[in-house]
Amino acid sequence: MGLLSYFRKESPKKGSAKLAKDRLQIIVAHEHSSAASPAYLPELQCEIVAVIRKYMDISSDDVKCEFIDKAEDGISVLEVNVALPRNK
């Protein structure tokens, strides 16, 4: 009986293999999402910061640009989030 239960246990290798597979899927998804953004995005972000700086004092970290490509809908979205300072 003990011998049969030994073979029925899930071996640690199966658990670590699943964990490695899950990690790899996350890495591939992250690389895919970053590769989908256009090459001009960092330059566009710098230009947006420069335009906003004409009117108020912000840092480069206050502007976040994200490119979202919805291939199934045929739509690309540029999302720009700007953290504006509070008025004193």
PDB file of N, CA and C in Angstrom:
ATOM      1  N   MET A   1       0.820  -1.198   0.000  1.00  0.00           N
ATOM      2  CA  MET A   1       0.000   0.000   0.000  1.00  0.00           C
ATOM      3  C   MET A   1       0.863   1.261   0.000  1.00  0.00           C
ATOM      4  N   GLY A   2       1.940   1.233   0.776  1.00  0.00           N
ATOM      5  CA  GLY A   2       2.823   2.389   0.844  1.00  0.00           C
ATOM      6  C   GLY A   2       3.489   2.672  -0.487  1.00  0.00           C
ATOM      7  N   LEU A   3       3.797   1.636  -1.226  1.00  0.00           N
ATOM      8  CA  LEU A   3       4.449   1.800  -2.521  1.00  0.00           C
ATOM      9  C   LEU A   3       3.504   2.441  -3.528  1.00  0.00           C
ATOM     10  N   LEU A   4       2.247   2.064  -3.529  1.00  0.00           N
ATOM     11  CA  LEU A   4       1.279   2.660  -4.447  1.00  0.00           C
ATOM     12  C   LEU A   4       1.018   4.128  -4.126  1.00  0.00           C
ATOM     13  N   SER A   5       0.953   4.452  -2.858  1.00  0.00           N
ATOM     14  CA  SER A   5       0.714   5.852  -2.499  1.00  0.00           C
ATOM     15  C   SER A   5       1.925   6.716  -2.855  1.00  0.00           C
ATOM     16  N   TYR A   6       3.110   6.143  -2.873  1.00  0.00           N
ATOM     17  CA  TYR A   6       4.307   6.877  -3.265  1.00  0.00           C
ATOM     18  C   TYR A   6       4.210   7.334  -4.724  1.00  0.00           C
ATOM     19  N   PHE A   7       3.696   6.457  -5.587  1.00  0.00           N
ATOM     20  CA  PHE A   7       3.586   6.794  -6.998  1.00  0.00           C
ATOM     21  C   PHE A   7       2.417   7.727  -7.299  1.00  0.00           C
ATOM     22  N   ARG A   8       1.452   7.783  -6.424  1.00  0.00           N
ATOM     23  CA  ARG A   8       0.296   8.640  -6.652  1.00  0.00           C
ATOM     24  C   ARG A   8       0.521  10.076  -6.194  1.00  0.00           C
ATOM     25  N   LYS A   9       1.521  10.293  -5.369  1.00  0.00           N
ATOM     26  CA  LYS A   9       1.792  11.649  -4.904  1.00  0.00           C
ATOM     27  C   LYS A   9       2.279  12.499  -6.072  1.00  0.00           C
ATOM     28  N   GLU A  10       1.926  13.759  -6.000  1.00  0.00           N
ATOM     29  CA  GLU A  10       2.434  14.675  -7.016  1.00  0.00           C
ATOM     30  C   GLU A  10       3.873  14.985  -6.651  1.00  0.00           C
ATOM     31  N   SER A  11       4.742  14.755  -7.574  1.00  0.00           N
ATOM     32  CA  SER A  11       6.155  14.969  -7.295  1.00  0.00           C
ATOM     33  C   SER A  11       6.454  16.462  -7.264  1.00  0.00           C
ATOM     34  N   PRO A  12       7.498  16.871  -6.525  1.00  0.00           N
ATOM     35  CA  PRO A  12       7.847  18.291  -6.463  1.00  0.00           C
ATOM     36  C   PRO A  12       8.221  18.853  -7.827  1.00  0.00           C
ATOM     37  N   LYS A  13       8.710  18.000  -8.727  1.00  0.00           N
ATOM     38  CA  LYS A  13       9.082  18.478 -10.053  1.00  0.00           C
ATOM     39  C   LYS A  13       7.866  18.961 -10.827  1.00  0.00           C
ATOM     40  N   LYS A  14       6.730  18.278 -10.670  1.00  0.00           N
ATOM     41  CA  LYS A  14       5.521  18.719 -11.367  1.00  0.00           C
ATOM     42  C   LYS A  14       5.085  20.085 -10.859  1.00  0.00           C
ATOM     43  N   GLY A  15       5.172  20.298  -9.558  1.00  0.00           N
ATOM     44  CA  GLY A  15       4.806  21.586  -8.986  1.00  0.00           C
ATOM     45  C   GLY A  15       5.730  22.686  -9.459  1.00  0.00           C
ATOM     46  N   SER A  16       7.029  22.398  -9.480  1.00  0.00           N
ATOM     47  CA  SER A  16       7.972  23.422  -9.918  1.00  0.00           C
ATOM     48  C   SER A  16       7.879  23.645 -11.423  1.00  0.00           C
ATOM     49  N   ALA A  17       7.539  22.604 -12.181  1.00  0.00           N
ATOM     50  CA  ALA A  17       7.368  22.771 -13.624  1.00  0.00           C
ATOM     51  C   ALA A  17       6.163  23.668 -13.913  1.00  0.00           C
ATOM     52  N   LYS A  18       5.089  23.471 -13.174  1.00  0.00           N
ATOM     53  CA  LYS A  18       3.906  24.317 -13.363  1.00  0.00           C
ATOM     54  C   LYS A  18       4.217  25.754 -12.971  1.00  0.00           C
ATOM     55  N   LEU A  19       4.957  25.923 -11.888  1.00  0.00           N
ATOM     56  CA  LEU A  19       5.338  27.255 -11.453  1.00  0.00           C
ATOM     57  C   LEU A  19       6.219  27.940 -12.502  1.00  0.00           C
ATOM     58  N   ALA A  20       7.164  27.206 -13.052  1.00  0.00           N
ATOM     59  CA  ALA A  20       8.038  27.756 -14.094  1.00  0.00           C
ATOM     60  C   ALA A  20       7.236  28.126 -15.335  1.00  0.00           C
ATOM     61  N   LYS A  21       6.256  27.285 -15.693  1.00  0.00           N
ATOM     62  CA  LYS A  21       5.410  27.566 -16.856  1.00  0.00           C
ATOM     63  C   LYS A  21       4.591  28.834 -16.625  1.00  0.00           C
ATOM     64  N   ASP A  22       4.032  28.979 -15.431  1.00  0.00           N
ATOM     65  CA  ASP A  22       3.245  30.172 -15.106  1.00  0.00           C
ATOM     66  C   ASP A  22       4.105  31.428 -15.163  1.00  0.00           C
ATOM     67  N   ARG A  23       5.314  31.341 -14.631  1.00  0.00           N
ATOM     68  CA  ARG A  23       6.218  32.489 -14.663  1.00  0.00           C
ATOM     69  C   ARG A  23       6.579  32.855 -16.095  1.00  0.00           C
ATOM     70  N   LEU A  24       6.839  31.849 -16.912  1.00  0.00           N
ATOM     71  CA  LEU A  24       7.184  32.092 -18.309  1.00  0.00           C
ATOM     72  C   LEU A  24       6.025  32.755 -19.046  1.00  0.00           C
ATOM     73  N   GLN A  25       4.801  32.337 -18.769  1.00  0.00           N
ATOM     74  CA  GLN A  25       3.636  32.945 -19.410  1.00  0.00           C
ATOM     75  C   GLN A  25       3.514  34.423 -19.030  1.00  0.00           C
ATOM     76  N   ILE A  26       3.815  34.748 -17.789  1.00  0.00           N
ATOM     77  CA  ILE A  26       3.760  36.141 -17.340  1.00  0.00           C
ATOM     78  C   ILE A  26       4.826  36.967 -18.050  1.00  0.00           C
ATOM     79  N   ILE A  27       6.031  36.407 -18.162  1.00  0.00           N
ATOM     80  CA  ILE A  27       7.125  37.116 -18.831  1.00  0.00           C
ATOM     81  C   ILE A  27       6.796  37.342 -20.303  1.00  0.00           C
ATOM     82  N   VAL A  28       6.278  36.316 -20.957  1.00  0.00           N
ATOM     83  CA  VAL A  28       5.932  36.436 -22.382  1.00  0.00           C
ATOM     84  C   VAL A  28       4.827  37.471 -22.580  1.00  0.00           C
ATOM     85  N   ALA A  29       3.834  37.473 -21.714  1.00  0.00           N
ATOM     86  CA  ALA A  29       2.754  38.459 -21.820  1.00  0.00           C
ATOM     87  C   ALA A  29       3.282  39.867 -21.608  1.00  0.00           C
ATOM     88  N   HIS A  30       4.196  40.030 -20.662  1.00  0.00           N
ATOM     89  CA  HIS A  30       4.775  41.349 -20.404  1.00  0.00           C
ATOM     90  C   HIS A  30       5.608  41.816 -21.594  1.00  0.00           C
ATOM     91  N   GLU A  31       6.414  40.936 -22.150  1.00  0.00           N
ATOM     92  CA  GLU A  31       7.223  41.293 -23.305  1.00  0.00           C
ATOM     93  C   GLU A  31       6.345  41.622 -24.514  1.00  0.00           C
ATOM     94  N   HIS A  32       5.268  40.871 -24.670  1.00  0.00           N
ATOM     95  CA  HIS A  32       4.355  41.114 -25.790  1.00  0.00           C
ATOM     96  C   HIS A  32       3.695  42.481 -25.662  1.00  0.00           C
ATOM     97  N   SER A  33       3.297  42.832 -24.452  1.00  0.00           N
ATOM     98  CA  SER A  33       2.624  44.116 -24.264  1.00  0.00           C
ATOM     99  C   SER A  33       3.593  45.276 -24.447  1.00  0.00           C
ATOM    100  N   SER A  34       4.848  45.114 -24.032  1.00  0.00           N
ATOM    101  CA  SER A  34       5.799  46.207 -24.210  1.00  0.00           C
ATOM    102  C   SER A  34       6.273  46.304 -25.653  1.00  0.00           C
ATOM    103  N   ALA A  35       6.299  45.189 -26.368  1.00  0.00           N
ATOM    104  CA  ALA A  35       6.730  45.216 -27.768  1.00  0.00           C
ATOM    105  C   ALA A  35       5.653  45.813 -28.664  1.00  0.00           C
ATOM    106  N   ALA A  36       4.418  45.810 -28.207  1.00  0.00           N
ATOM    107  CA  ALA A  36       3.316  46.315 -29.015  1.00  0.00           C
ATOM    108  C   ALA A  36       3.271  47.836 -29.049  1.00  0.00           C
ATOM    109  N   SER A  37       3.972  48.492 -28.128  1.00  0.00           N
ATOM    110  CA  SER A  37       3.924  49.947 -28.110  1.00  0.00           C
ATOM    111  C   SER A  37       4.820  50.518 -29.203  1.00  0.00           C
ATOM    112  N   PRO A  38       4.388  51.602 -29.827  1.00  0.00           N
ATOM    113  CA  PRO A  38       5.158  52.177 -30.922  1.00  0.00           C
ATOM    114  C   PRO A  38       6.464  52.799 -30.435  1.00  0.00           C
ATOM    115  N   ALA A  39       7.411  52.931 -31.342  1.00  0.00           N
ATOM    116  CA  ALA A  39       8.743  53.440 -31.000  1.00  0.00           C
ATOM    117  C   ALA A  39       8.704  54.923 -30.622  1.00  0.00           C
ATOM    118  N   TYR A  40       7.719  55.646 -31.106  1.00  0.00           N
ATOM    119  CA  TYR A  40       7.647  57.084 -30.841  1.00  0.00           C
ATOM    120  C   TYR A  40       7.046  57.417 -29.479  1.00  0.00           C
ATOM    121  N   LEU A  41       6.601  56.423 -28.723  1.00  0.00           N
ATOM    122  CA  LEU A  41       5.905  56.689 -27.464  1.00  0.00           C
ATOM    123  C   LEU A  41       6.763  57.453 -26.449  1.00  0.00           C
ATOM    124  N   PRO A  42       8.035  57.106 -26.206  1.00  0.00           N
ATOM    125  CA  PRO A  42       8.828  57.895 -25.245  1.00  0.00           C
ATOM    126  C   PRO A  42       9.019  59.355 -25.679  1.00  0.00           C
ATOM    127  N   GLU A  43       9.223  59.568 -26.971  1.00  0.00           N
ATOM    128  CA  GLU A  43       9.375  60.933 -27.471  1.00  0.00           C
ATOM    129  C   GLU A  43       8.072  61.715 -27.323  1.00  0.00           C
ATOM    130  N   LEU A  44       6.957  61.060 -27.603  1.00  0.00           N
ATOM    131  CA  LEU A  44       5.649  61.693 -27.448  1.00  0.00           C
ATOM    132  C   LEU A  44       5.420  62.095 -25.998  1.00  0.00           C
ATOM    133  N   GLN A  45       5.807  61.216 -25.077  1.00  0.00           N
ATOM    134  CA  GLN A  45       5.643  61.512 -23.658  1.00  0.00           C
ATOM    135  C   GLN A  45       6.475  62.739 -23.268  1.00  0.00           C
ATOM    136  N   CYS A  46       7.701  62.844 -23.771  1.00  0.00           N
ATOM    137  CA  CYS A  46       8.551  64.010 -23.480  1.00  0.00           C
ATOM    138  C   CYS A  46       7.933  65.293 -24.026  1.00  0.00           C
ATOM    139  N   GLU A  47       7.357  65.214 -25.207  1.00  0.00           N
ATOM    140  CA  GLU A  47       6.732  66.394 -25.797  1.00  0.00           C
ATOM    141  C   GLU A  47       5.485  66.808 -25.023  1.00  0.00           C
ATOM    142  N   ILE A  48       4.722  65.857 -24.552  1.00  0.00           N
ATOM    143  CA  ILE A  48       3.532  66.175 -23.743  1.00  0.00           C
ATOM    144  C   ILE A  48       3.960  66.859 -22.453  1.00  0.00           C
ATOM    145  N   VAL A  49       5.021  66.354 -21.823  1.00  0.00           N
ATOM    146  CA  VAL A  49       5.536  66.976 -20.598  1.00  0.00           C
ATOM    147  C   VAL A  49       5.983  68.405 -20.887  1.00  0.00           C
ATOM    148  N   ALA A  50       6.664  68.619 -22.008  1.00  0.00           N
ATOM    149  CA  ALA A  50       7.139  69.962 -22.360  1.00  0.00           C
ATOM    150  C   ALA A  50       5.981  70.938 -22.551  1.00  0.00           C
ATOM    151  N   VAL A  51       4.910  70.496 -23.183  1.00  0.00           N
ATOM    152  CA  VAL A  51       3.745  71.367 -23.399  1.00  0.00           C
ATOM    153  C   VAL A  51       3.072  71.700 -22.075  1.00  0.00           C
ATOM    154  N   ILE A  52       2.908  70.725 -21.209  1.00  0.00           N
ATOM    155  CA  ILE A  52       2.249  70.975 -19.922  1.00  0.00           C
ATOM    156  C   ILE A  52       3.111  71.878 -19.049  1.00  0.00           C
ATOM    157  N   ARG A  53       4.443  71.748 -19.144  1.00  0.00           N
ATOM    158  CA  ARG A  53       5.350  72.595 -18.355  1.00  0.00           C
ATOM    159  C   ARG A  53       5.247  74.069 -18.735  1.00  0.00           C
ATOM    160  N   LYS A  54       4.739  74.379 -19.915  1.00  0.00           N
ATOM    161  CA  LYS A  54       4.532  75.776 -20.295  1.00  0.00           C
ATOM    162  C   LYS A  54       3.512  76.442 -19.376  1.00  0.00           C
ATOM    163  N   TYR A  55       2.604  75.645 -18.832  1.00  0.00           N
ATOM    164  CA  TYR A  55       1.500  76.196 -18.055  1.00  0.00           C
ATOM    165  C   TYR A  55       1.572  75.888 -16.565  1.00  0.00           C
ATOM    166  N   MET A  56       2.285  74.818 -16.178  1.00  0.00           N
ATOM    167  CA  MET A  56       2.395  74.469 -14.758  1.00  0.00           C
ATOM    168  C   MET A  56       3.657  73.647 -14.521  1.00  0.00           C
ATOM    169  N   ASP A  57       4.048  73.598 -13.271  1.00  0.00           N
ATOM    170  CA  ASP A  57       5.278  72.907 -12.889  1.00  0.00           C
ATOM    171  C   ASP A  57       4.979  71.435 -12.595  1.00  0.00           C
ATOM    172  N   ILE A  58       5.452  70.553 -13.483  1.00  0.00           N
ATOM    173  CA  ILE A  58       5.307  69.108 -13.278  1.00  0.00           C
ATOM    174  C   ILE A  58       6.643  68.442 -13.591  1.00  0.00           C
ATOM    175  N   SER A  59       6.793  67.207 -13.139  1.00  0.00           N
ATOM    176  CA  SER A  59       7.991  66.435 -13.469  1.00  0.00           C
ATOM    177  C   SER A  59       7.648  65.401 -14.539  1.00  0.00           C
ATOM    178  N   SER A  60       8.665  64.787 -15.080  1.00  0.00           N
ATOM    179  CA  SER A  60       8.449  63.759 -16.105  1.00  0.00           C
ATOM    180  C   SER A  60       7.711  62.555 -15.549  1.00  0.00           C
ATOM    181  N   ASP A  61       7.863  62.308 -14.252  1.00  0.00           N
ATOM    182  CA  ASP A  61       7.194  61.166 -13.623  1.00  0.00           C
ATOM    183  C   ASP A  61       5.691  61.378 -13.472  1.00  0.00           C
ATOM    184  N   ASP A  62       5.244  62.611 -13.626  1.00  0.00           N
ATOM    185  CA  ASP A  62       3.821  62.919 -13.472  1.00  0.00           C
ATOM    186  C   ASP A  62       2.993  62.546 -14.700  1.00  0.00           C
ATOM    187  N   VAL A  63       3.658  62.207 -15.803  1.00  0.00           N
ATOM    188  CA  VAL A  63       2.954  61.870 -17.043  1.00  0.00           C
ATOM    189  C   VAL A  63       3.237  60.411 -17.391  1.00  0.00           C
ATOM    190  N   LYS A  64       2.185  59.647 -17.562  1.00  0.00           N
ATOM    191  CA  LYS A  64       2.293  58.235 -17.949  1.00  0.00           C
ATOM    192  C   LYS A  64       1.522  58.032 -19.247  1.00  0.00           C
ATOM    193  N   CYS A  65       2.216  57.476 -20.246  1.00  0.00           N
ATOM    194  CA  CYS A  65       1.586  57.180 -21.529  1.00  0.00           C
ATOM    195  C   CYS A  65       1.551  55.666 -21.720  1.00  0.00           C
ATOM    196  N   GLU A  66       0.419  55.180 -22.162  1.00  0.00           N
ATOM    197  CA  GLU A  66       0.265  53.745 -22.402  1.00  0.00           C
ATOM    198  C   GLU A  66      -0.456  53.547 -23.734  1.00  0.00           C
ATOM    199  N   PHE A  67       0.103  52.688 -24.542  1.00  0.00           N
ATOM    200  CA  PHE A  67      -0.477  52.367 -25.837  1.00  0.00           C
ATOM    201  C   PHE A  67      -1.199  51.038 -25.720  1.00  0.00           C
ATOM    202  N   ILE A  68      -2.471  51.015 -26.062  1.00  0.00           N
ATOM    203  CA  ILE A  68      -3.284  49.796 -25.974  1.00  0.00           C
ATOM    204  C   ILE A  68      -3.775  49.470 -27.375  1.00  0.00           C
ATOM    205  N   ASP A  69      -3.408  48.288 -27.853  1.00  0.00           N
ATOM    206  CA  ASP A  69      -3.803  47.859 -29.192  1.00  0.00           C
ATOM    207  C   ASP A  69      -4.875  46.787 -29.056  1.00  0.00           C
ATOM    208  N   LYS A  70      -6.078  47.115 -29.463  1.00  0.00           N
ATOM    209  CA  LYS A  70      -7.191  46.165 -29.424  1.00  0.00           C
ATOM    210  C   LYS A  70      -7.375  45.617 -30.835  1.00  0.00           C
ATOM    211  N   ALA A  71      -6.564  44.609 -31.140  1.00  0.00           N
ATOM    212  CA  ALA A  71      -6.536  44.060 -32.496  1.00  0.00           C
ATOM    213  C   ALA A  71      -7.892  43.484 -32.907  1.00  0.00           C
ATOM    214  N   GLU A  72      -8.596  42.891 -31.956  1.00  0.00           N
ATOM    215  CA  GLU A  72      -9.881  42.278 -32.310  1.00  0.00           C
ATOM    216  C   GLU A  72     -10.911  43.313 -32.739  1.00  0.00           C
ATOM    217  N   ASP A  73     -10.771  44.552 -32.238  1.00  0.00           N
ATOM    218  CA  ASP A  73     -11.693  45.626 -32.612  1.00  0.00           C
ATOM    219  C   ASP A  73     -11.133  46.515 -33.709  1.00  0.00           C
ATOM    220  N   GLY A  74      -9.840  46.359 -34.004  1.00  0.00           N
ATOM    221  CA  GLY A  74      -9.199  47.222 -34.988  1.00  0.00           C
ATOM    222  C   GLY A  74      -8.971  48.629 -34.469  1.00  0.00           C
ATOM    223  N   ILE A  75      -8.851  48.755 -33.139  1.00  0.00           N
ATOM    224  CA  ILE A  75      -8.712  50.063 -32.507  1.00  0.00           C
ATOM    225  C   ILE A  75      -7.403  50.103 -31.714  1.00  0.00           C
ATOM    226  N   SER A  76      -6.707  51.231 -31.815  1.00  0.00           N
ATOM    227  CA  SER A  76      -5.541  51.486 -30.979  1.00  0.00           C
ATOM    228  C   SER A  76      -5.855  52.691 -30.101  1.00  0.00           C
ATOM    229  N   VAL A  77      -5.474  52.602 -28.825  1.00  0.00           N
ATOM    230  CA  VAL A  77      -5.796  53.654 -27.866  1.00  0.00           C
ATOM    231  C   VAL A  77      -4.501  54.145 -27.235  1.00  0.00           C
ATOM    232  N   LEU A  78      -4.335  55.453 -27.189  1.00  0.00           N
ATOM    233  CA  LEU A  78      -3.234  56.062 -26.461  1.00  0.00           C
ATOM    234  C   LEU A  78      -3.815  56.668 -25.193  1.00  0.00           C
ATOM    235  N   GLU A  79      -3.451  56.106 -24.063  1.00  0.00           N
ATOM    236  CA  GLU A  79      -3.958  56.586 -22.778  1.00  0.00           C
ATOM    237  C   GLU A  79      -2.871  57.434 -22.131  1.00  0.00           C
ATOM    238  N   VAL A  80      -3.208  58.674 -21.786  1.00  0.00           N
ATOM    239  CA  VAL A  80      -2.268  59.599 -21.170  1.00  0.00           C
ATOM    240  C   VAL A  80      -2.828  59.997 -19.810  1.00  0.00           C
ATOM    241  N   ASN A  81      -2.088  59.703 -18.761  1.00  0.00           N
ATOM    242  CA  ASN A  81      -2.479  60.074 -17.395  1.00  0.00           C
ATOM    243  C   ASN A  81      -1.504  61.127 -16.894  1.00  0.00           C
ATOM    244  N   VAL A  82      -2.039  62.248 -16.462  1.00  0.00           N
ATOM    245  CA  VAL A  82      -1.214  63.351 -15.975  1.00  0.00           C
ATOM    246  C   VAL A  82      -1.623  63.658 -14.532  1.00  0.00           C
ATOM    247  N   ALA A  83      -0.653  63.586 -13.636  1.00  0.00           N
ATOM    248  CA  ALA A  83      -0.900  63.959 -12.239  1.00  0.00           C
ATOM    249  C   ALA A  83      -0.604  65.440 -12.102  1.00  0.00           C
ATOM    250  N   LEU A  84      -1.654  66.231 -11.974  1.00  0.00           N
ATOM    251  CA  LEU A  84      -1.496  67.693 -11.880  1.00  0.00           C
ATOM    252  C   LEU A  84      -1.332  68.116 -10.440  1.00  0.00           C
ATOM    253  N   PRO A  85      -0.513  69.144 -10.210  1.00  0.00           N
ATOM    254  CA  PRO A  85      -0.348  69.631  -8.838  1.00  0.00           C
ATOM    255  C   PRO A  85      -1.611  70.352  -8.380  1.00  0.00           C
ATOM    256  N   ARG A  86      -1.821  70.348  -7.081  1.00  0.00           N
ATOM    257  CA  ARG A  86      -2.979  71.051  -6.525  1.00  0.00           C
ATOM    258  C   ARG A  86      -2.728  72.552  -6.497  1.00  0.00           C
ATOM    259  N   ASN A  87      -3.798  73.302  -6.676  1.00  0.00           N
ATOM    260  CA  ASN A  87      -3.692  74.768  -6.593  1.00  0.00           C
ATOM    261  C   ASN A  87      -3.511  75.164  -5.149  1.00  0.00           C
ATOM    262  N   LYS A  88      -2.640  76.147  -4.926  1.00  0.00           N
ATOM    263  CA  LYS A  88      -2.387  76.604  -3.549  1.00  0.00           C
ATOM    264  C   LYS A  88      -3.277  77.750  -3.183  1.00  0.00           C
TER     265      LYS A  88
END
